[in-house]
Amino acid sequence: MVLDEAGAVGIDDMKRLFDLACNARVVLSGDTGQHASVARGDALRILERHSNFKSGQLTAIRRQRKAAYRKAWNWRRRNARWKPSRSWNVWVR
């Protein structure tokens, strides 16, 4: 089961997802540096900081396929006041 934008999910919805998944693998993809969940609890940030789940970081730009676009994005990332943070994938049994 895959949940994209997991950083926007509250604790109650995350619990429901895990309950539905039973013994299936759950992949959470999200960015705790973006907006927090509107619902109560910041589930992905809590899992990231306080669980033993394995996570990985995406470091390569995949969206901009043309070299000029990647160059522009890298320039913006280096020179902007807003710095994009990390994306995390969390695997659960």
PDB file of N, CA and C in Angstrom:
ATOM      1  N   MET A   1       0.845  -1.150   0.000  1.00  0.00           N
ATOM      2  CA  MET A   1       0.000   0.000   0.000  1.00  0.00           C
ATOM      3  C   MET A   1       0.908   1.235   0.000  1.00  0.00           C
ATOM      4  N   VAL A   2       0.590   2.220  -0.846  1.00  0.00           N
ATOM      5  CA  VAL A   2       1.409   3.419  -0.968  1.00  0.00           C
ATOM      6  C   VAL A   2       0.573   4.645  -0.613  1.00  0.00           C
ATOM      7  N   LEU A   3       1.139   5.502   0.221  1.00  0.00           N
ATOM      8  CA  LEU A   3       0.495   6.767   0.570  1.00  0.00           C
ATOM      9  C   LEU A   3       1.436   7.898   0.202  1.00  0.00           C
ATOM     10  N   ASP A   4       1.043   8.690  -0.787  1.00  0.00           N
ATOM     11  CA  ASP A   4       1.831   9.856  -1.180  1.00  0.00           C
ATOM     12  C   ASP A   4       1.358  11.049  -0.362  1.00  0.00           C
ATOM     13  N   GLU A   5       2.223  12.039  -0.201  1.00  0.00           N
ATOM     14  CA  GLU A   5       1.924  13.229   0.607  1.00  0.00           C
ATOM     15  C   GLU A   5       1.576  12.828   2.045  1.00  0.00           C
ATOM     16  N   ALA A   6       2.312  11.872   2.579  1.00  0.00           N
ATOM     17  CA  ALA A   6       2.045  11.361   3.924  1.00  0.00           C
ATOM     18  C   ALA A   6       2.267  12.415   5.003  1.00  0.00           C
ATOM     19  N   GLY A   7       3.017  13.455   4.698  1.00  0.00           N
ATOM     20  CA  GLY A   7       3.237  14.520   5.659  1.00  0.00           C
ATOM     21  C   GLY A   7       1.978  15.321   5.956  1.00  0.00           C
ATOM     22  N   ALA A   8       0.956  15.184   5.114  1.00  0.00           N
ATOM     23  CA  ALA A   8      -0.296  15.913   5.310  1.00  0.00           C
ATOM     24  C   ALA A   8      -1.339  15.076   6.053  1.00  0.00           C
ATOM     25  N   VAL A   9      -0.949  13.904   6.530  1.00  0.00           N
ATOM     26  CA  VAL A   9      -1.897  12.985   7.171  1.00  0.00           C
ATOM     27  C   VAL A   9      -1.793  13.089   8.687  1.00  0.00           C
ATOM     28  N   GLY A  10      -2.941  13.173   9.331  1.00  0.00           N
ATOM     29  CA  GLY A  10      -2.991  13.224  10.790  1.00  0.00           C
ATOM     30  C   GLY A  10      -2.885  11.844  11.406  1.00  0.00           C
ATOM     31  N   ILE A  11      -2.797  11.823  12.702  1.00  0.00           N
ATOM     32  CA  ILE A  11      -2.570  10.582  13.444  1.00  0.00           C
ATOM     33  C   ILE A  11      -3.744   9.596  13.320  1.00  0.00           C
ATOM     34  N   ASP A  12      -4.971  10.095  13.364  1.00  0.00           N
ATOM     35  CA  ASP A  12      -6.137   9.195  13.280  1.00  0.00           C
ATOM     36  C   ASP A  12      -6.214   8.516  11.914  1.00  0.00           C
ATOM     37  N   ASP A  13      -5.989   9.289  10.846  1.00  0.00           N
ATOM     38  CA  ASP A  13      -6.024   8.702   9.505  1.00  0.00           C
ATOM     39  C   ASP A  13      -4.869   7.733   9.285  1.00  0.00           C
ATOM     40  N   MET A  14      -3.706   8.036   9.845  1.00  0.00           N
ATOM     41  CA  MET A  14      -2.561   7.129   9.707  1.00  0.00           C
ATOM     42  C   MET A  14      -2.858   5.808  10.412  1.00  0.00           C
ATOM     43  N   LYS A  15      -3.486   5.878  11.583  1.00  0.00           N
ATOM     44  CA  LYS A  15      -3.855   4.653  12.298  1.00  0.00           C
ATOM     45  C   LYS A  15      -4.838   3.828  11.471  1.00  0.00           C
ATOM     46  N   ARG A  16      -5.824   4.492  10.858  1.00  0.00           N
ATOM     47  CA  ARG A  16      -6.781   3.778  10.007  1.00  0.00           C
ATOM     48  C   ARG A  16      -6.076   3.090   8.842  1.00  0.00           C
ATOM     49  N   LEU A  17      -5.106   3.781   8.249  1.00  0.00           N
ATOM     50  CA  LEU A  17      -4.352   3.190   7.144  1.00  0.00           C
ATOM     51  C   LEU A  17      -3.622   1.936   7.606  1.00  0.00           C
ATOM     52  N   PHE A  18      -2.925   2.016   8.739  1.00  0.00           N
ATOM     53  CA  PHE A  18      -2.208   0.850   9.254  1.00  0.00           C
ATOM     54  C   PHE A  18      -3.166  -0.285   9.621  1.00  0.00           C
ATOM     55  N   ASP A  19      -4.327   0.064  10.153  1.00  0.00           N
ATOM     56  CA  ASP A  19      -5.319  -0.967  10.469  1.00  0.00           C
ATOM     57  C   ASP A  19      -5.801  -1.667   9.202  1.00  0.00           C
ATOM     58  N   LEU A  20      -6.031  -0.898   8.131  1.00  0.00           N
ATOM     59  CA  LEU A  20      -6.481  -1.480   6.860  1.00  0.00           C
ATOM     60  C   LEU A  20      -5.394  -2.332   6.214  1.00  0.00           C
ATOM     61  N   ALA A  21      -4.168  -1.948   6.398  1.00  0.00           N
ATOM     62  CA  ALA A  21      -3.051  -2.644   5.752  1.00  0.00           C
ATOM     63  C   ALA A  21      -2.797  -4.018   6.361  1.00  0.00           C
ATOM     64  N   CYS A  22      -3.203  -4.224   7.588  1.00  0.00           N
ATOM     65  CA  CYS A  22      -2.953  -5.490   8.291  1.00  0.00           C
ATOM     66  C   CYS A  22      -1.473  -5.845   8.211  1.00  0.00           C
ATOM     67  N   ASN A  23      -1.131  -6.899   7.487  1.00  0.00           N
ATOM     68  CA  ASN A  23       0.260  -7.341   7.385  1.00  0.00           C
ATOM     69  C   ASN A  23       0.920  -6.921   6.077  1.00  0.00           C
ATOM     70  N   ALA A  24       0.273  -6.060   5.319  1.00  0.00           N
ATOM     71  CA  ALA A  24       0.834  -5.616   4.041  1.00  0.00           C
ATOM     72  C   ALA A  24       1.933  -4.581   4.277  1.00  0.00           C
ATOM     73  N   ARG A  25       2.800  -4.443   3.310  1.00  0.00           N
ATOM     74  CA  ARG A  25       3.832  -3.407   3.376  1.00  0.00           C
ATOM     75  C   ARG A  25       3.184  -2.062   3.077  1.00  0.00           C
ATOM     76  N   VAL A  26       3.543  -1.071   3.862  1.00  0.00           N
ATOM     77  CA  VAL A  26       3.045   0.288   3.668  1.00  0.00           C
ATOM     78  C   VAL A  26       4.233   1.176   3.332  1.00  0.00           C
ATOM     79  N   VAL A  27       4.123   1.912   2.239  1.00  0.00           N
ATOM     80  CA  VAL A  27       5.172   2.858   1.843  1.00  0.00           C
ATOM     81  C   VAL A  27       4.589   4.256   1.983  1.00  0.00           C
ATOM     82  N   LEU A  28       5.210   5.051   2.832  1.00  0.00           N
ATOM     83  CA  LEU A  28       4.786   6.430   3.051  1.00  0.00           C
ATOM     84  C   LEU A  28       5.777   7.339   2.345  1.00  0.00           C
ATOM     85  N   SER A  29       5.285   8.184   1.479  1.00  0.00           N
ATOM     86  CA  SER A  29       6.140   9.118   0.766  1.00  0.00           C
ATOM     87  C   SER A  29       5.670  10.523   1.103  1.00  0.00           C
ATOM     88  N   GLY A  30       6.556  11.311   1.655  1.00  0.00           N
ATOM     89  CA  GLY A  30       6.152  12.659   2.028  1.00  0.00           C
ATOM     90  C   GLY A  30       7.336  13.470   2.480  1.00  0.00           C
ATOM     91  N   ASP A  31       7.063  14.698   2.821  1.00  0.00           N
ATOM     92  CA  ASP A  31       8.101  15.642   3.202  1.00  0.00           C
ATOM     93  C   ASP A  31       7.674  16.333   4.483  1.00  0.00           C
ATOM     94  N   THR A  32       8.366  16.064   5.563  1.00  0.00           N
ATOM     95  CA  THR A  32       8.009  16.673   6.851  1.00  0.00           C
ATOM     96  C   THR A  32       8.398  18.139   6.904  1.00  0.00           C
ATOM     97  N   GLY A  33       9.119  18.611   5.890  1.00  0.00           N
ATOM     98  CA  GLY A  33       9.480  20.019   5.832  1.00  0.00           C
ATOM     99  C   GLY A  33       8.417  20.881   5.184  1.00  0.00           C
ATOM    100  N   GLN A  34       7.403  20.252   4.612  1.00  0.00           N
ATOM    101  CA  GLN A  34       6.312  21.001   4.008  1.00  0.00           C
ATOM    102  C   GLN A  34       5.234  21.244   5.055  1.00  0.00           C
ATOM    103  N   HIS A  35       4.061  21.659   4.602  1.00  0.00           N
ATOM    104  CA  HIS A  35       2.964  21.944   5.529  1.00  0.00           C
ATOM    105  C   HIS A  35       2.622  20.719   6.358  1.00  0.00           C
ATOM    106  N   ALA A  36       2.342  20.946   7.615  1.00  0.00           N
ATOM    107  CA  ALA A  36       1.934  19.848   8.504  1.00  0.00           C
ATOM    108  C   ALA A  36       0.485  19.476   8.218  1.00  0.00           C
ATOM    109  N   SER A  37       0.073  18.371   8.781  1.00  0.00           N
ATOM    110  CA  SER A  37      -1.295  17.922   8.576  1.00  0.00           C
ATOM    111  C   SER A  37      -2.274  18.914   9.178  1.00  0.00           C
ATOM    112  N   VAL A  38      -3.451  19.007   8.571  1.00  0.00           N
ATOM    113  CA  VAL A  38      -4.517  19.843   9.111  1.00  0.00           C
ATOM    114  C   VAL A  38      -5.181  19.109  10.271  1.00  0.00           C
ATOM    115  N   ALA A  39      -5.337  17.809  10.097  1.00  0.00           N
ATOM    116  CA  ALA A  39      -5.931  16.984  11.153  1.00  0.00           C
ATOM    117  C   ALA A  39      -4.971  16.887  12.343  1.00  0.00           C
ATOM    118  N   ARG A  40      -5.510  16.487  13.472  1.00  0.00           N
ATOM    119  CA  ARG A  40      -4.731  16.385  14.719  1.00  0.00           C
ATOM    120  C   ARG A  40      -3.556  15.432  14.549  1.00  0.00           C
ATOM    121  N   GLY A  41      -2.411  15.862  15.005  1.00  0.00           N
ATOM    122  CA  GLY A  41      -1.217  15.025  14.978  1.00  0.00           C
ATOM    123  C   GLY A  41      -0.454  15.163  13.670  1.00  0.00           C
ATOM    124  N   ASP A  42       0.816  15.067  13.737  1.00  0.00           N
ATOM    125  CA  ASP A  42       1.697  15.169  12.584  1.00  0.00           C
ATOM    126  C   ASP A  42       2.341  13.791  12.419  1.00  0.00           C
ATOM    127  N   ALA A  43       1.573  12.863  11.862  1.00  0.00           N
ATOM    128  CA  ALA A  43       1.911  11.444  11.901  1.00  0.00           C
ATOM    129  C   ALA A  43       3.271  11.114  11.292  1.00  0.00           C
ATOM    130  N   LEU A  44       3.577  11.652  10.111  1.00  0.00           N
ATOM    131  CA  LEU A  44       4.849  11.304   9.472  1.00  0.00           C
ATOM    132  C   LEU A  44       6.033  11.816  10.290  1.00  0.00           C
ATOM    133  N   ARG A  45       5.935  13.025  10.817  1.00  0.00           N
ATOM    134  CA  ARG A  45       7.024  13.571  11.629  1.00  0.00           C
ATOM    135  C   ARG A  45       7.211  12.730  12.900  1.00  0.00           C
ATOM    136  N   ILE A  46       6.114  12.298  13.507  1.00  0.00           N
ATOM    137  CA  ILE A  46       6.196  11.460  14.709  1.00  0.00           C
ATOM    138  C   ILE A  46       6.870  10.130  14.380  1.00  0.00           C
ATOM    139  N   LEU A  47       6.468   9.513  13.256  1.00  0.00           N
ATOM    140  CA  LEU A  47       7.093   8.253  12.850  1.00  0.00           C
ATOM    141  C   LEU A  47       8.577   8.446  12.545  1.00  0.00           C
ATOM    142  N   GLU A  48       8.897   9.546  11.899  1.00  0.00           N
ATOM    143  CA  GLU A  48      10.282   9.820  11.540  1.00  0.00           C
ATOM    144  C   GLU A  48      11.169   9.977  12.775  1.00  0.00           C
ATOM    145  N   ARG A  49      10.668  10.642  13.764  1.00  0.00           N
ATOM    146  CA  ARG A  49      11.476  10.947  14.957  1.00  0.00           C
ATOM    147  C   ARG A  49      11.442   9.870  16.036  1.00  0.00           C
ATOM    148  N   HIS A  50      10.330   9.140  16.148  1.00  0.00           N
ATOM    149  CA  HIS A  50      10.143   8.286  17.327  1.00  0.00           C
ATOM    150  C   HIS A  50       9.889   6.819  17.016  1.00  0.00           C
ATOM    151  N   SER A  51      10.135   6.380  15.787  1.00  0.00           N
ATOM    152  CA  SER A  51       9.887   4.971  15.488  1.00  0.00           C
ATOM    153  C   SER A  51      11.168   4.304  15.016  1.00  0.00           C
ATOM    154  N   ASN A  52      11.095   3.008  14.874  1.00  0.00           N
ATOM    155  CA  ASN A  52      12.220   2.231  14.354  1.00  0.00           C
ATOM    156  C   ASN A  52      12.041   1.895  12.882  1.00  0.00           C
ATOM    157  N   PHE A  53      11.083   2.534  12.206  1.00  0.00           N
ATOM    158  CA  PHE A  53      10.843   2.270  10.798  1.00  0.00           C
ATOM    159  C   PHE A  53      12.053   2.717   9.979  1.00  0.00           C
ATOM    160  N   LYS A  54      12.323   1.991   8.923  1.00  0.00           N
ATOM    161  CA  LYS A  54      13.426   2.342   8.033  1.00  0.00           C
ATOM    162  C   LYS A  54      12.965   3.436   7.078  1.00  0.00           C
ATOM    163  N   SER A  55      13.860   4.355   6.801  1.00  0.00           N
ATOM    164  CA  SER A  55      13.513   5.420   5.862  1.00  0.00           C
ATOM    165  C   SER A  55      14.686   5.699   4.946  1.00  0.00           C
ATOM    166  N   GLY A  56      14.396   6.346   3.851  1.00  0.00           N
ATOM    167  CA  GLY A  56      15.425   6.727   2.902  1.00  0.00           C
ATOM    168  C   GLY A  56      15.178   8.146   2.444  1.00  0.00           C
ATOM    169  N   GLN A  57      16.192   8.732   1.878  1.00  0.00           N
ATOM    170  CA  GLN A  57      16.093  10.110   1.424  1.00  0.00           C
ATOM    171  C   GLN A  57      16.285  10.162  -0.082  1.00  0.00           C
ATOM    172  N   LEU A  58      15.419  10.890  -0.758  1.00  0.00           N
ATOM    173  CA  LEU A  58      15.580  11.114  -2.187  1.00  0.00           C
ATOM    174  C   LEU A  58      16.471  12.329  -2.371  1.00  0.00           C
ATOM    175  N   THR A  59      17.553  12.163  -3.094  1.00  0.00           N
ATOM    176  CA  THR A  59      18.496  13.267  -3.243  1.00  0.00           C
ATOM    177  C   THR A  59      18.654  13.728  -4.685  1.00  0.00           C
ATOM    178  N   ALA A  60      18.285  12.909  -5.644  1.00  0.00           N
ATOM    179  CA  ALA A  60      18.436  13.275  -7.050  1.00  0.00           C
ATOM    180  C   ALA A  60      17.128  13.843  -7.589  1.00  0.00           C
ATOM    181  N   ILE A  61      17.248  14.851  -8.421  1.00  0.00           N
ATOM    182  CA  ILE A  61      16.067  15.439  -9.051  1.00  0.00           C
ATOM    183  C   ILE A  61      15.640  14.526 -10.195  1.00  0.00           C
ATOM    184  N   ARG A  62      14.395  14.092 -10.160  1.00  0.00           N
ATOM    185  CA  ARG A  62      13.879  13.202 -11.198  1.00  0.00           C
ATOM    186  C   ARG A  62      12.828  13.900 -12.061  1.00  0.00           C
ATOM    187  N   ARG A  63      12.212  14.934 -11.547  1.00  0.00           N
ATOM    188  CA  ARG A  63      11.096  15.569 -12.231  1.00  0.00           C
ATOM    189  C   ARG A  63      11.558  16.341 -13.464  1.00  0.00           C
ATOM    190  N   GLN A  64      12.624  17.107 -13.348  1.00  0.00           N
ATOM    191  CA  GLN A  64      13.099  17.909 -14.469  1.00  0.00           C
ATOM    192  C   GLN A  64      14.040  17.055 -15.326  1.00  0.00           C
ATOM    193  N   ARG A  65      13.565  16.609 -16.453  1.00  0.00           N
ATOM    194  CA  ARG A  65      14.351  15.708 -17.298  1.00  0.00           C
ATOM    195  C   ARG A  65      15.350  16.464 -18.184  1.00  0.00           C
ATOM    196  N   LYS A  66      14.995  17.662 -18.619  1.00  0.00           N
ATOM    197  CA  LYS A  66      15.902  18.425 -19.470  1.00  0.00           C
ATOM    198  C   LYS A  66      16.970  19.098 -18.607  1.00  0.00           C
ATOM    199  N   ALA A  67      18.198  19.097 -19.130  1.00  0.00           N
ATOM    200  CA  ALA A  67      19.332  19.639 -18.370  1.00  0.00           C
ATOM    201  C   ALA A  67      19.120  21.097 -17.987  1.00  0.00           C
ATOM    202  N   ALA A  68      18.526  21.888 -18.865  1.00  0.00           N
ATOM    203  CA  ALA A  68      18.306  23.310 -18.568  1.00  0.00           C
ATOM    204  C   ALA A  68      17.337  23.477 -17.400  1.00  0.00           C
ATOM    205  N   TYR A  69      16.313  22.644 -17.323  1.00  0.00           N
ATOM    206  CA  TYR A  69      15.356  22.714 -16.211  1.00  0.00           C
ATOM    207  C   TYR A  69      16.030  22.330 -14.897  1.00  0.00           C
ATOM    208  N   ARG A  70      16.838  21.254 -14.931  1.00  0.00           N
ATOM    209  CA  ARG A  70      17.547  20.840 -13.716  1.00  0.00           C
ATOM    210  C   ARG A  70      18.500  21.929 -13.248  1.00  0.00           C
ATOM    211  N   LYS A  71      19.196  22.552 -14.204  1.00  0.00           N
ATOM    212  CA  LYS A  71      20.124  23.626 -13.866  1.00  0.00           C
ATOM    213  C   LYS A  71      19.383  24.791 -13.209  1.00  0.00           C
ATOM    214  N   ALA A  72      18.229  25.161 -13.756  1.00  0.00           N
ATOM    215  CA  ALA A  72      17.426  26.252 -13.181  1.00  0.00           C
ATOM    216  C   ALA A  72      16.931  25.887 -11.785  1.00  0.00           C
ATOM    217  N   TRP A  73      16.480  24.661 -11.602  1.00  0.00           N
ATOM    218  CA  TRP A  73      15.988  24.247 -10.281  1.00  0.00           C
ATOM    219  C   TRP A  73      17.122  24.232  -9.259  1.00  0.00           C
ATOM    220  N   ASN A  74      18.278  23.734  -9.653  1.00  0.00           N
ATOM    221  CA  ASN A  74      19.415  23.718  -8.734  1.00  0.00           C
ATOM    222  C   ASN A  74      19.832  25.134  -8.360  1.00  0.00           C
ATOM    223  N   TRP A  75      19.814  26.045  -9.322  1.00  0.00           N
ATOM    224  CA  TRP A  75      20.134  27.437  -9.021  1.00  0.00           C
ATOM    225  C   TRP A  75      19.136  28.003  -8.012  1.00  0.00           C
ATOM    226  N   ARG A  76      17.850  27.744  -8.258  1.00  0.00           N
ATOM    227  CA  ARG A  76      16.817  28.248  -7.355  1.00  0.00           C
ATOM    228  C   ARG A  76      16.982  27.658  -5.953  1.00  0.00           C
ATOM    229  N   ARG A  77      17.295  26.387  -5.904  1.00  0.00           N
ATOM    230  CA  ARG A  77      17.453  25.730  -4.609  1.00  0.00           C
ATOM    231  C   ARG A  77      18.629  26.318  -3.832  1.00  0.00           C
ATOM    232  N   ARG A  78      19.714  26.637  -4.507  1.00  0.00           N
ATOM    233  CA  ARG A  78      20.886  27.211  -3.842  1.00  0.00           C
ATOM    234  C   ARG A  78      20.677  28.664  -3.429  1.00  0.00           C
ATOM    235  N   ASN A  79      19.878  29.418  -4.173  1.00  0.00           N
ATOM    236  CA  ASN A  79      19.774  30.859  -3.978  1.00  0.00           C
ATOM    237  C   ASN A  79      18.480  31.332  -3.321  1.00  0.00           C
ATOM    238  N   ALA A  80      17.566  30.460  -3.075  1.00  0.00           N
ATOM    239  CA  ALA A  80      16.277  30.868  -2.503  1.00  0.00           C
ATOM    240  C   ALA A  80      16.348  30.938  -0.985  1.00  0.00           C
ATOM    241  N   ARG A  81      15.516  31.790  -0.411  1.00  0.00           N
ATOM    242  CA  ARG A  81      15.418  31.830   1.058  1.00  0.00           C
ATOM    243  C   ARG A  81      14.735  30.566   1.551  1.00  0.00           C
ATOM    244  N   TRP A  82      13.755  30.073   0.796  1.00  0.00           N
ATOM    245  CA  TRP A  82      13.071  28.826   1.139  1.00  0.00           C
ATOM    246  C   TRP A  82      13.907  27.668   0.631  1.00  0.00           C
ATOM    247  N   LYS A  83      14.249  26.755   1.509  1.00  0.00           N
ATOM    248  CA  LYS A  83      15.042  25.591   1.131  1.00  0.00           C
ATOM    249  C   LYS A  83      14.159  24.350   1.186  1.00  0.00           C
ATOM    250  N   PRO A  84      14.027  23.628   0.089  1.00  0.00           N
ATOM    251  CA  PRO A  84      13.248  22.391   0.146  1.00  0.00           C
ATOM    252  C   PRO A  84      13.921  21.402   1.079  1.00  0.00           C
ATOM    253  N   SER A  85      13.123  20.668   1.799  1.00  0.00           N
ATOM    254  CA  SER A  85      13.707  19.684   2.703  1.00  0.00           C
ATOM    255  C   SER A  85      13.671  18.307   2.067  1.00  0.00           C
ATOM    256  N   ARG A  86      13.697  17.297   2.870  1.00  0.00           N
ATOM    257  CA  ARG A  86      13.854  15.941   2.386  1.00  0.00           C
ATOM    258  C   ARG A  86      12.505  15.272   2.141  1.00  0.00           C
ATOM    259  N   SER A  87      12.532  14.283   1.295  1.00  0.00           N
ATOM    260  CA  SER A  87      11.393  13.399   1.121  1.00  0.00           C
ATOM    261  C   SER A  87      11.763  12.069   1.758  1.00  0.00           C
ATOM    262  N   TRP A  88      10.830  11.474   2.429  1.00  0.00           N
ATOM    263  CA  TRP A  88      11.102  10.234   3.147  1.00  0.00           C
ATOM    264  C   TRP A  88      10.202   9.131   2.645  1.00  0.00           C
ATOM    265  N   ASN A  89      10.729   7.948   2.555  1.00  0.00           N
ATOM    266  CA  ASN A  89       9.944   6.751   2.331  1.00  0.00           C
ATOM    267  C   ASN A  89      10.092   5.920   3.584  1.00  0.00           C
ATOM    268  N   VAL A  90       8.994   5.507   4.141  1.00  0.00           N
ATOM    269  CA  VAL A  90       9.031   4.698   5.344  1.00  0.00           C
ATOM    270  C   VAL A  90       8.388   3.366   5.044  1.00  0.00           C
ATOM    271  N   TRP A  91       9.111   2.297   5.331  1.00  0.00           N
ATOM    272  CA  TRP A  91       8.579   0.963   5.065  1.00  0.00           C
ATOM    273  C   TRP A  91       8.131   0.324   6.377  1.00  0.00           C
ATOM    274  N   VAL A  92       6.962  -0.212   6.338  1.00  0.00           N
ATOM    275  CA  VAL A  92       6.396  -0.896   7.489  1.00  0.00           C
ATOM    276  C   VAL A  92       6.109  -2.319   7.050  1.00  0.00           C
ATOM    277  N   ARG A  93       6.433  -3.263   7.889  1.00  0.00           N
ATOM    278  CA  ARG A  93       6.179  -4.678   7.586  1.00  0.00           C
ATOM    279  C   ARG A  93       5.274  -4.869   6.441  1.00  0.00           C
TER     280      ARG A  93
END
